[in-house]
Amino acid sequence: MTMQEVLELTNLPVWYFTPKGKKVPARYLVWYGNGQTAANADDTLYFRKNGYVVEYYYDKKDEEKEAAIEEVLLDNGYLFEKSEDVYIDDEGVYAIYYYVS
């Protein structure tokens, strides 16, 4: 599954990068690539894994929705680090950033 398909399992609107020019709902996800981890030796690539940033935007705190997002990521083999809640004054919304590997 692609990251887009995984995030669609949350039943939230999902965009790759910022949804410019679109009317956004009270809760939605934005994702983008964050580089790649690779392990190689002796001129051989043994392992590589893409990293992502998933941004969850919301107007009201919903810990159950956060838990559902995290469960979808974990169920699909992704590990992550989670940021604190961040208020974005210009947009009047909150955000949580997931650094996914």
PDB file of N, CA and C in Angstrom:
ATOM      1  N   MET A   1       0.837  -1.188   0.000  1.00  0.00           N
ATOM      2  CA  MET A   1       0.000   0.000   0.000  1.00  0.00           C
ATOM      3  C   MET A   1       0.879   1.248   0.000  1.00  0.00           C
ATOM      4  N   THR A   2       0.425   2.257  -0.684  1.00  0.00           N
ATOM      5  CA  THR A   2       1.130   3.542  -0.657  1.00  0.00           C
ATOM      6  C   THR A   2       0.755   4.291   0.619  1.00  0.00           C
ATOM      7  N   MET A   3       1.511   5.311   0.951  1.00  0.00           N
ATOM      8  CA  MET A   3       1.189   6.109   2.128  1.00  0.00           C
ATOM      9  C   MET A   3      -0.186   6.761   1.968  1.00  0.00           C
ATOM     10  N   GLN A   4      -0.517   7.209   0.776  1.00  0.00           N
ATOM     11  CA  GLN A   4      -1.838   7.789   0.522  1.00  0.00           C
ATOM     12  C   GLN A   4      -2.934   6.776   0.869  1.00  0.00           C
ATOM     13  N   GLU A   5      -2.787   5.543   0.405  1.00  0.00           N
ATOM     14  CA  GLU A   5      -3.784   4.507   0.671  1.00  0.00           C
ATOM     15  C   GLU A   5      -3.865   4.170   2.155  1.00  0.00           C
ATOM     16  N   VAL A   6      -2.733   4.114   2.828  1.00  0.00           N
ATOM     17  CA  VAL A   6      -2.725   3.840   4.269  1.00  0.00           C
ATOM     18  C   VAL A   6      -3.477   4.934   5.013  1.00  0.00           C
ATOM     19  N   LEU A   7      -3.175   6.186   4.703  1.00  0.00           N
ATOM     20  CA  LEU A   7      -3.825   7.282   5.416  1.00  0.00           C
ATOM     21  C   LEU A   7      -5.308   7.393   5.116  1.00  0.00           C
ATOM     22  N   GLU A   8      -5.724   6.969   3.937  1.00  0.00           N
ATOM     23  CA  GLU A   8      -7.153   6.982   3.610  1.00  0.00           C
ATOM     24  C   GLU A   8      -7.940   6.032   4.507  1.00  0.00           C
ATOM     25  N   LEU A   9      -7.280   5.062   5.120  1.00  0.00           N
ATOM     26  CA  LEU A   9      -7.940   4.148   6.057  1.00  0.00           C
ATOM     27  C   LEU A   9      -8.414   4.858   7.326  1.00  0.00           C
ATOM     28  N   THR A  10      -7.934   6.076   7.560  1.00  0.00           N
ATOM     29  CA  THR A  10      -8.363   6.853   8.731  1.00  0.00           C
ATOM     30  C   THR A  10      -9.738   7.489   8.534  1.00  0.00           C
ATOM     31  N   ASN A  11     -10.243   7.458   7.303  1.00  0.00           N
ATOM     32  CA  ASN A  11     -11.513   8.105   6.953  1.00  0.00           C
ATOM     33  C   ASN A  11     -11.467   9.625   7.119  1.00  0.00           C
ATOM     34  N   LEU A  12     -10.271  10.188   7.031  1.00  0.00           N
ATOM     35  CA  LEU A  12     -10.098  11.635   7.009  1.00  0.00           C
ATOM     36  C   LEU A  12      -9.708  12.048   5.599  1.00  0.00           C
ATOM     37  N   PRO A  13      -9.996  13.285   5.199  1.00  0.00           N
ATOM     38  CA  PRO A  13      -9.475  13.764   3.920  1.00  0.00           C
ATOM     39  C   PRO A  13      -7.944  13.769   3.969  1.00  0.00           C
ATOM     40  N   VAL A  14      -7.313  13.339   2.866  1.00  0.00           N
ATOM     41  CA  VAL A  14      -5.853  13.215   2.816  1.00  0.00           C
ATOM     42  C   VAL A  14      -5.337  13.919   1.572  1.00  0.00           C
ATOM     43  N   TRP A  15      -4.270  14.732   1.756  1.00  0.00           N
ATOM     44  CA  TRP A  15      -3.626  15.403   0.625  1.00  0.00           C
ATOM     45  C   TRP A  15      -2.130  15.167   0.663  1.00  0.00           C
ATOM     46  N   TYR A  16      -1.543  15.089  -0.516  1.00  0.00           N
ATOM     47  CA  TYR A  16      -0.097  15.098  -0.649  1.00  0.00           C
ATOM     48  C   TYR A  16       0.307  16.562  -0.737  1.00  0.00           C
ATOM     49  N   PHE A  17       1.040  17.026   0.231  1.00  0.00           N
ATOM     50  CA  PHE A  17       1.397  18.434   0.418  1.00  0.00           C
ATOM     51  C   PHE A  17       0.142  19.260   0.719  1.00  0.00           C
ATOM     52  N   THR A  18       0.279  20.563   0.761  1.00  0.00           N
ATOM     53  CA  THR A  18      -0.790  21.455   1.209  1.00  0.00           C
ATOM     54  C   THR A  18      -1.935  21.519   0.213  1.00  0.00           C
ATOM     55  N   PRO A  19      -3.174  21.449   0.705  1.00  0.00           N
ATOM     56  CA  PRO A  19      -4.340  21.513  -0.190  1.00  0.00           C
ATOM     57  C   PRO A  19      -4.645  22.935  -0.630  1.00  0.00           C
ATOM     58  N   LYS A  20      -3.785  23.541  -1.415  1.00  0.00           N
ATOM     59  CA  LYS A  20      -3.970  24.931  -1.842  1.00  0.00           C
ATOM     60  C   LYS A  20      -5.177  25.073  -2.750  1.00  0.00           C
ATOM     61  N   GLY A  21      -5.929  26.119  -2.504  1.00  0.00           N
ATOM     62  CA  GLY A  21      -7.071  26.418  -3.342  1.00  0.00           C
ATOM     63  C   GLY A  21      -8.267  25.512  -3.104  1.00  0.00           C
ATOM     64  N   LYS A  22      -8.213  24.689  -2.070  1.00  0.00           N
ATOM     65  CA  LYS A  22      -9.331  23.793  -1.779  1.00  0.00           C
ATOM     66  C   LYS A  22      -9.934  24.166  -0.437  1.00  0.00           C
ATOM     67  N   LYS A  23     -11.223  23.981  -0.335  1.00  0.00           N
ATOM     68  CA  LYS A  23     -11.887  24.194   0.944  1.00  0.00           C
ATOM     69  C   LYS A  23     -11.547  23.011   1.840  1.00  0.00           C
ATOM     70  N   VAL A  24     -10.947  23.297   2.979  1.00  0.00           N
ATOM     71  CA  VAL A  24     -10.519  22.204   3.857  1.00  0.00           C
ATOM     72  C   VAL A  24     -11.510  22.030   5.003  1.00  0.00           C
ATOM     73  N   PRO A  25     -11.731  20.789   5.389  1.00  0.00           N
ATOM     74  CA  PRO A  25     -12.633  20.507   6.505  1.00  0.00           C
ATOM     75  C   PRO A  25     -11.955  20.809   7.846  1.00  0.00           C
ATOM     76  N   ALA A  26     -12.682  20.576   8.930  1.00  0.00           N
ATOM     77  CA  ALA A  26     -12.159  20.856  10.271  1.00  0.00           C
ATOM     78  C   ALA A  26     -11.005  19.921  10.635  1.00  0.00           C
ATOM     79  N   ARG A  27     -10.996  18.712  10.067  1.00  0.00           N
ATOM     80  CA  ARG A  27      -9.932  17.738  10.334  1.00  0.00           C
ATOM     81  C   ARG A  27      -9.459  17.146   9.022  1.00  0.00           C
ATOM     82  N   TYR A  28      -8.141  17.099   8.850  1.00  0.00           N
ATOM     83  CA  TYR A  28      -7.592  16.486   7.640  1.00  0.00           C
ATOM     84  C   TYR A  28      -6.120  16.151   7.838  1.00  0.00           C
ATOM     85  N   LEU A  29      -5.582  15.358   6.919  1.00  0.00           N
ATOM     86  CA  LEU A  29      -4.182  14.938   6.943  1.00  0.00           C
ATOM     87  C   LEU A  29      -3.455  15.430   5.704  1.00  0.00           C
ATOM     88  N   VAL A  30      -2.202  15.796   5.889  1.00  0.00           N
ATOM     89  CA  VAL A  30      -1.301  16.147   4.793  1.00  0.00           C
ATOM     90  C   VAL A  30      -0.063  15.282   4.977  1.00  0.00           C
ATOM     91  N   TRP A  31       0.482  14.776   3.877  1.00  0.00           N
ATOM     92  CA  TRP A  31       1.699  13.969   3.988  1.00  0.00           C
ATOM     93  C   TRP A  31       2.674  14.327   2.876  1.00  0.00           C
ATOM     94  N   TYR A  32       3.952  14.021   3.117  1.00  0.00           N
ATOM     95  CA  TYR A  32       4.999  14.207   2.108  1.00  0.00           C
ATOM     96  C   TYR A  32       6.217  13.383   2.512  1.00  0.00           C
ATOM     97  N   GLY A  33       7.083  13.140   1.545  1.00  0.00           N
ATOM     98  CA  GLY A  33       8.280  12.351   1.784  1.00  0.00           C
ATOM     99  C   GLY A  33       9.287  13.101   2.638  1.00  0.00           C
ATOM    100  N   ASN A  34      10.051  12.322   3.418  1.00  0.00           N
ATOM    101  CA  ASN A  34      11.047  12.895   4.320  1.00  0.00           C
ATOM    102  C   ASN A  34      12.379  12.144   4.188  1.00  0.00           C
ATOM    103  N   GLY A  35      12.754  11.834   2.946  1.00  0.00           N
ATOM    104  CA  GLY A  35      14.032  11.157   2.721  1.00  0.00           C
ATOM    105  C   GLY A  35      13.924   9.649   2.817  1.00  0.00           C
ATOM    106  N   GLN A  36      15.090   9.005   2.801  1.00  0.00           N
ATOM    107  CA  GLN A  36      15.144   7.551   2.800  1.00  0.00           C
ATOM    108  C   GLN A  36      16.318   7.081   3.646  1.00  0.00           C
ATOM    109  N   THR A  37      16.090   6.033   4.420  1.00  0.00           N
ATOM    110  CA  THR A  37      17.144   5.388   5.184  1.00  0.00           C
ATOM    111  C   THR A  37      17.615   4.187   4.390  1.00  0.00           C
ATOM    112  N   ALA A  38      18.935   4.011   4.315  1.00  0.00           N
ATOM    113  CA  ALA A  38      19.477   2.880   3.563  1.00  0.00           C
ATOM    114  C   ALA A  38      20.632   2.257   4.339  1.00  0.00           C
ATOM    115  N   ALA A  39      20.778   0.959   4.183  1.00  0.00           N
ATOM    116  CA  ALA A  39      21.916   0.238   4.758  1.00  0.00           C
ATOM    117  C   ALA A  39      22.610  -0.489   3.619  1.00  0.00           C
ATOM    118  N   ASN A  40      23.897  -0.191   3.444  1.00  0.00           N
ATOM    119  CA  ASN A  40      24.635  -0.873   2.391  1.00  0.00           C
ATOM    120  C   ASN A  40      26.059  -1.139   2.851  1.00  0.00           C
ATOM    121  N   ALA A  41      26.652  -2.159   2.249  1.00  0.00           N
ATOM    122  CA  ALA A  41      28.036  -2.534   2.522  1.00  0.00           C
ATOM    123  C   ALA A  41      28.526  -3.390   1.365  1.00  0.00           C
ATOM    124  N   ASP A  42      29.818  -3.340   1.132  1.00  0.00           N
ATOM    125  CA  ASP A  42      30.428  -4.165   0.079  1.00  0.00           C
ATOM    126  C   ASP A  42      29.726  -3.994  -1.264  1.00  0.00           C
ATOM    127  N   ASP A  43      29.427  -2.752  -1.606  1.00  0.00           N
ATOM    128  CA  ASP A  43      28.789  -2.427  -2.876  1.00  0.00           C
ATOM    129  C   ASP A  43      27.421  -3.082  -3.065  1.00  0.00           C
ATOM    130  N   THR A  44      26.740  -3.355  -1.955  1.00  0.00           N
ATOM    131  CA  THR A  44      25.418  -3.978  -2.027  1.00  0.00           C
ATOM    132  C   THR A  44      24.443  -3.210  -1.145  1.00  0.00           C
ATOM    133  N   LEU A  45      23.259  -2.940  -1.670  1.00  0.00           N
ATOM    134  CA  LEU A  45      22.189  -2.310  -0.903  1.00  0.00           C
ATOM    135  C   LEU A  45      21.399  -3.413  -0.208  1.00  0.00           C
ATOM    136  N   TYR A  46      21.411  -3.405   1.117  1.00  0.00           N
ATOM    137  CA  TYR A  46      20.722  -4.444   1.881  1.00  0.00           C
ATOM    138  C   TYR A  46      19.336  -4.025   2.349  1.00  0.00           C
ATOM    139  N   PHE A  47      19.142  -2.737   2.503  1.00  0.00           N
ATOM    140  CA  PHE A  47      17.887  -2.279   3.083  1.00  0.00           C
ATOM    141  C   PHE A  47      17.676  -0.818   2.711  1.00  0.00           C
ATOM    142  N   ARG A  48      16.438  -0.461   2.433  1.00  0.00           N
ATOM    143  CA  ARG A  48      16.073   0.948   2.286  1.00  0.00           C
ATOM    144  C   ARG A  48      14.614   1.116   2.687  1.00  0.00           C
ATOM    145  N   LYS A  49      14.344   2.245   3.297  1.00  0.00           N
ATOM    146  CA  LYS A  49      12.982   2.515   3.753  1.00  0.00           C
ATOM    147  C   LYS A  49      12.722   4.008   3.637  1.00  0.00           C
ATOM    148  N   ASN A  50      11.601   4.346   3.038  1.00  0.00           N
ATOM    149  CA  ASN A  50      11.214   5.747   2.884  1.00  0.00           C
ATOM    150  C   ASN A  50      10.693   6.303   4.201  1.00  0.00           C
ATOM    151  N   GLY A  51      10.958   7.570   4.442  1.00  0.00           N
ATOM    152  CA  GLY A  51      10.418   8.269   5.594  1.00  0.00           C
ATOM    153  C   GLY A  51       9.368   9.269   5.125  1.00  0.00           C
ATOM    154  N   TYR A  52       8.458   9.612   6.021  1.00  0.00           N
ATOM    155  CA  TYR A  52       7.373  10.531   5.687  1.00  0.00           C
ATOM    156  C   TYR A  52       7.110  11.467   6.859  1.00  0.00           C
ATOM    157  N   VAL A  53       6.493  12.577   6.558  1.00  0.00           N
ATOM    158  CA  VAL A  53       5.903  13.437   7.579  1.00  0.00           C
ATOM    159  C   VAL A  53       4.407  13.433   7.316  1.00  0.00           C
ATOM    160  N   VAL A  54       3.648  13.143   8.358  1.00  0.00           N
ATOM    161  CA  VAL A  54       2.183  13.187   8.278  1.00  0.00           C
ATOM    162  C   VAL A  54       1.739  14.285   9.235  1.00  0.00           C
ATOM    163  N   GLU A  55       0.991  15.237   8.711  1.00  0.00           N
ATOM    164  CA  GLU A  55       0.506  16.362   9.503  1.00  0.00           C
ATOM    165  C   GLU A  55      -1.000  16.209   9.702  1.00  0.00           C
ATOM    166  N   TYR A  56      -1.421  16.203  10.951  1.00  0.00           N
ATOM    167  CA  TYR A  56      -2.840  16.096  11.295  1.00  0.00           C
ATOM    168  C   TYR A  56      -3.312  17.465  11.755  1.00  0.00           C
ATOM    169  N   TYR A  57      -4.260  18.057  11.033  1.00  0.00           N
ATOM    170  CA  TYR A  57      -4.817  19.370  11.356  1.00  0.00           C
ATOM    171  C   TYR A  57      -6.227  19.190  11.912  1.00  0.00           C
ATOM    172  N   TYR A  58      -6.541  19.947  12.967  1.00  0.00           N
ATOM    173  CA  TYR A  58      -7.854  19.802  13.608  1.00  0.00           C
ATOM    174  C   TYR A  58      -8.246  21.091  14.315  1.00  0.00           C
ATOM    175  N   ASP A  59      -9.542  21.211  14.564  1.00  0.00           N
ATOM    176  CA  ASP A  59     -10.034  22.394  15.267  1.00  0.00           C
ATOM    177  C   ASP A  59     -10.324  22.117  16.734  1.00  0.00           C
ATOM    178  N   LYS A  60     -10.636  20.869  17.077  1.00  0.00           N
ATOM    179  CA  LYS A  60     -10.909  20.481  18.461  1.00  0.00           C
ATOM    180  C   LYS A  60     -10.157  19.194  18.765  1.00  0.00           C
ATOM    181  N   LYS A  61      -9.590  19.113  19.944  1.00  0.00           N
ATOM    182  CA  LYS A  61      -8.816  17.953  20.371  1.00  0.00           C
ATOM    183  C   LYS A  61      -9.704  16.714  20.392  1.00  0.00           C
ATOM    184  N   ASP A  62      -9.215  15.636  19.769  1.00  0.00           N
ATOM    185  CA  ASP A  62      -9.931  14.360  19.737  1.00  0.00           C
ATOM    186  C   ASP A  62      -8.905  13.235  19.875  1.00  0.00           C
ATOM    187  N   GLU A  63      -8.662  12.812  21.106  1.00  0.00           N
ATOM    188  CA  GLU A  63      -7.649  11.796  21.360  1.00  0.00           C
ATOM    189  C   GLU A  63      -7.996  10.452  20.726  1.00  0.00           C
ATOM    190  N   GLU A  64      -9.276  10.164  20.561  1.00  0.00           N
ATOM    191  CA  GLU A  64      -9.670   8.920  19.897  1.00  0.00           C
ATOM    192  C   GLU A  64      -9.274   8.940  18.421  1.00  0.00           C
ATOM    193  N   LYS A  65      -9.411  10.081  17.751  1.00  0.00           N
ATOM    194  CA  LYS A  65      -9.013  10.189  16.348  1.00  0.00           C
ATOM    195  C   LYS A  65      -7.493  10.069  16.229  1.00  0.00           C
ATOM    196  N   GLU A  66      -6.769  10.691  17.156  1.00  0.00           N
ATOM    197  CA  GLU A  66      -5.304  10.545  17.153  1.00  0.00           C
ATOM    198  C   GLU A  66      -4.915   9.078  17.314  1.00  0.00           C
ATOM    199  N   ALA A  67      -5.569   8.389  18.238  1.00  0.00           N
ATOM    200  CA  ALA A  67      -5.278   6.974  18.453  1.00  0.00           C
ATOM    201  C   ALA A  67      -5.600   6.160  17.198  1.00  0.00           C
ATOM    202  N   ALA A  68      -6.665   6.523  16.480  1.00  0.00           N
ATOM    203  CA  ALA A  68      -7.028   5.808  15.246  1.00  0.00           C
ATOM    204  C   ALA A  68      -5.977   6.028  14.161  1.00  0.00           C
ATOM    205  N   ILE A  69      -5.464   7.245  14.039  1.00  0.00           N
ATOM    206  CA  ILE A  69      -4.400   7.525  13.062  1.00  0.00           C
ATOM    207  C   ILE A  69      -3.170   6.691  13.396  1.00  0.00           C
ATOM    208  N   GLU A  70      -2.792   6.681  14.662  1.00  0.00           N
ATOM    209  CA  GLU A  70      -1.616   5.940  15.101  1.00  0.00           C
ATOM    210  C   GLU A  70      -1.787   4.441  14.895  1.00  0.00           C
ATOM    211  N   GLU A  71      -2.978   3.932  15.147  1.00  0.00           N
ATOM    212  CA  GLU A  71      -3.254   2.510  14.946  1.00  0.00           C
ATOM    213  C   GLU A  71      -3.126   2.122  13.467  1.00  0.00           C
ATOM    214  N   VAL A  72      -3.634   2.964  12.576  1.00  0.00           N
ATOM    215  CA  VAL A  72      -3.516   2.701  11.136  1.00  0.00           C
ATOM    216  C   VAL A  72      -2.046   2.632  10.729  1.00  0.00           C
ATOM    217  N   LEU A  73      -1.248   3.576  11.222  1.00  0.00           N
ATOM    218  CA  LEU A  73       0.182   3.561  10.887  1.00  0.00           C
ATOM    219  C   LEU A  73       0.850   2.288  11.405  1.00  0.00           C
ATOM    220  N   LEU A  74       0.623   1.962  12.674  1.00  0.00           N
ATOM    221  CA  LEU A  74       1.245   0.782  13.263  1.00  0.00           C
ATOM    222  C   LEU A  74       0.777  -0.506  12.600  1.00  0.00           C
ATOM    223  N   ASP A  75      -0.516  -0.603  12.315  1.00  0.00           N
ATOM    224  CA  ASP A  75      -1.062  -1.810  11.678  1.00  0.00           C
ATOM    225  C   ASP A  75      -0.481  -2.045  10.288  1.00  0.00           C
ATOM    226  N   ASN A  76       0.042  -0.993   9.663  1.00  0.00           N
ATOM    227  CA  ASN A  76       0.609  -1.115   8.328  1.00  0.00           C
ATOM    228  C   ASN A  76       2.140  -1.091   8.337  1.00  0.00           C
ATOM    229  N   GLY A  77       2.717  -1.350   9.510  1.00  0.00           N
ATOM    230  CA  GLY A  77       4.156  -1.534   9.620  1.00  0.00           C
ATOM    231  C   GLY A  77       4.989  -0.277   9.734  1.00  0.00           C
ATOM    232  N   TYR A  78       4.374   0.840  10.065  1.00  0.00           N
ATOM    233  CA  TYR A  78       5.111   2.095  10.192  1.00  0.00           C
ATOM    234  C   TYR A  78       5.336   2.442  11.655  1.00  0.00           C
ATOM    235  N   LEU A  79       6.541   2.876  11.974  1.00  0.00           N
ATOM    236  CA  LEU A  79       6.855   3.434  13.284  1.00  0.00           C
ATOM    237  C   LEU A  79       6.850   4.946  13.151  1.00  0.00           C
ATOM    238  N   PHE A  80       6.670   5.656  14.251  1.00  0.00           N
ATOM    239  CA  PHE A  80       6.597   7.114  14.159  1.00  0.00           C
ATOM    240  C   PHE A  80       6.995   7.760  15.465  1.00  0.00           C
ATOM    241  N   GLU A  81       7.359   9.020  15.356  1.00  0.00           N
ATOM    242  CA  GLU A  81       7.511   9.901  16.506  1.00  0.00           C
ATOM    243  C   GLU A  81       6.449  10.972  16.356  1.00  0.00           C
ATOM    244  N   LYS A  82       5.888  11.384  17.469  1.00  0.00           N
ATOM    245  CA  LYS A  82       4.761  12.321  17.459  1.00  0.00           C
ATOM    246  C   LYS A  82       5.162  13.628  18.129  1.00  0.00           C
ATOM    247  N   SER A  83       4.785  14.746  17.513  1.00  0.00           N
ATOM    248  CA  SER A  83       5.087  16.055  18.081  1.00  0.00           C
ATOM    249  C   SER A  83       4.067  16.427  19.150  1.00  0.00           C
ATOM    250  N   GLU A  84       4.320  17.539  19.771  1.00  0.00           N
ATOM    251  CA  GLU A  84       3.337  18.124  20.672  1.00  0.00           C
ATOM    252  C   GLU A  84       2.215  18.753  19.843  1.00  0.00           C
ATOM    253  N   ASP A  85       1.135  19.156  20.500  1.00  0.00           N
ATOM    254  CA  ASP A  85       0.077  19.893  19.820  1.00  0.00           C
ATOM    255  C   ASP A  85       0.598  21.302  19.528  1.00  0.00           C
ATOM    256  N   VAL A  86       0.416  21.743  18.298  1.00  0.00           N
ATOM    257  CA  VAL A  86       0.905  23.053  17.871  1.00  0.00           C
ATOM    258  C   VAL A  86      -0.285  23.879  17.395  1.00  0.00           C
ATOM    259  N   TYR A  87      -0.427  25.092  17.919  1.00  0.00           N
ATOM    260  CA  TYR A  87      -1.491  25.978  17.456  1.00  0.00           C
ATOM    261  C   TYR A  87      -0.939  26.872  16.352  1.00  0.00           C
ATOM    262  N   ILE A  88      -1.640  26.928  15.224  1.00  0.00           N
ATOM    263  CA  ILE A  88      -1.236  27.763  14.093  1.00  0.00           C
ATOM    264  C   ILE A  88      -2.183  28.957  14.060  1.00  0.00           C
ATOM    265  N   ASP A  89      -1.712  30.055  14.587  1.00  0.00           N
ATOM    266  CA  ASP A  89      -2.539  31.239  14.790  1.00  0.00           C
ATOM    267  C   ASP A  89      -3.125  31.782  13.489  1.00  0.00           C
ATOM    268  N   ASP A  90      -2.318  31.835  12.424  1.00  0.00           N
ATOM    269  CA  ASP A  90      -2.784  32.384  11.142  1.00  0.00           C
ATOM    270  C   ASP A  90      -3.981  31.631  10.578  1.00  0.00           C
ATOM    271  N   GLU A  91      -4.037  30.336  10.850  1.00  0.00           N
ATOM    272  CA  GLU A  91      -5.108  29.514  10.288  1.00  0.00           C
ATOM    273  C   GLU A  91      -6.172  29.151  11.308  1.00  0.00           C
ATOM    274  N   GLY A  92      -5.906  29.403  12.575  1.00  0.00           N
ATOM    275  CA  GLY A  92      -6.868  29.099  13.623  1.00  0.00           C
ATOM    276  C   GLY A  92      -7.091  27.609  13.826  1.00  0.00           C
ATOM    277  N   VAL A  93      -6.060  26.810  13.585  1.00  0.00           N
ATOM    278  CA  VAL A  93      -6.164  25.361  13.759  1.00  0.00           C
ATOM    279  C   VAL A  93      -4.977  24.859  14.569  1.00  0.00           C
ATOM    280  N   TYR A  94      -5.093  23.616  14.993  1.00  0.00           N
ATOM    281  CA  TYR A  94      -4.017  22.922  15.695  1.00  0.00           C
ATOM    282  C   TYR A  94      -3.414  21.893  14.732  1.00  0.00           C
ATOM    283  N   ALA A  95      -2.180  21.478  15.031  1.00  0.00           N
ATOM    284  CA  ALA A  95      -1.528  20.456  14.217  1.00  0.00           C
ATOM    285  C   ALA A  95      -0.720  19.537  15.109  1.00  0.00           C
ATOM    286  N   ILE A  96      -0.634  18.295  14.684  1.00  0.00           N
ATOM    287  CA  ILE A  96       0.281  17.307  15.260  1.00  0.00           C
ATOM    288  C   ILE A  96       1.074  16.758  14.091  1.00  0.00           C
ATOM    289  N   TYR A  97       2.386  16.643  14.276  1.00  0.00           N
ATOM    290  CA  TYR A  97       3.266  16.139  13.227  1.00  0.00           C
ATOM    291  C   TYR A  97       3.755  14.744  13.596  1.00  0.00           C
ATOM    292  N   TYR A  98       3.580  13.810  12.682  1.00  0.00           N
ATOM    293  CA  TYR A  98       4.078  12.447  12.849  1.00  0.00           C
ATOM    294  C   TYR A  98       5.263  12.265  11.908  1.00  0.00           C
ATOM    295  N   TYR A  99       6.402  11.885  12.472  1.00  0.00           N
ATOM    296  CA  TYR A  99       7.611  11.601  11.687  1.00  0.00           C
ATOM    297  C   TYR A  99       7.673  10.093  11.538  1.00  0.00           C
ATOM    298  N   VAL A 100       7.325   9.623  10.346  1.00  0.00           N
ATOM    299  CA  VAL A 100       7.043   8.204  10.106  1.00  0.00           C
ATOM    300  C   VAL A 100       8.214   7.533   9.393  1.00  0.00           C
ATOM    301  N   SER A 101       8.549   6.331   9.868  1.00  0.00           N
ATOM    302  CA  SER A 101       9.575   5.537   9.195  1.00  0.00           C
ATOM    303  C   SER A 101       9.120   4.093   9.071  1.00  0.00           C
TER     304      SER A 101
END
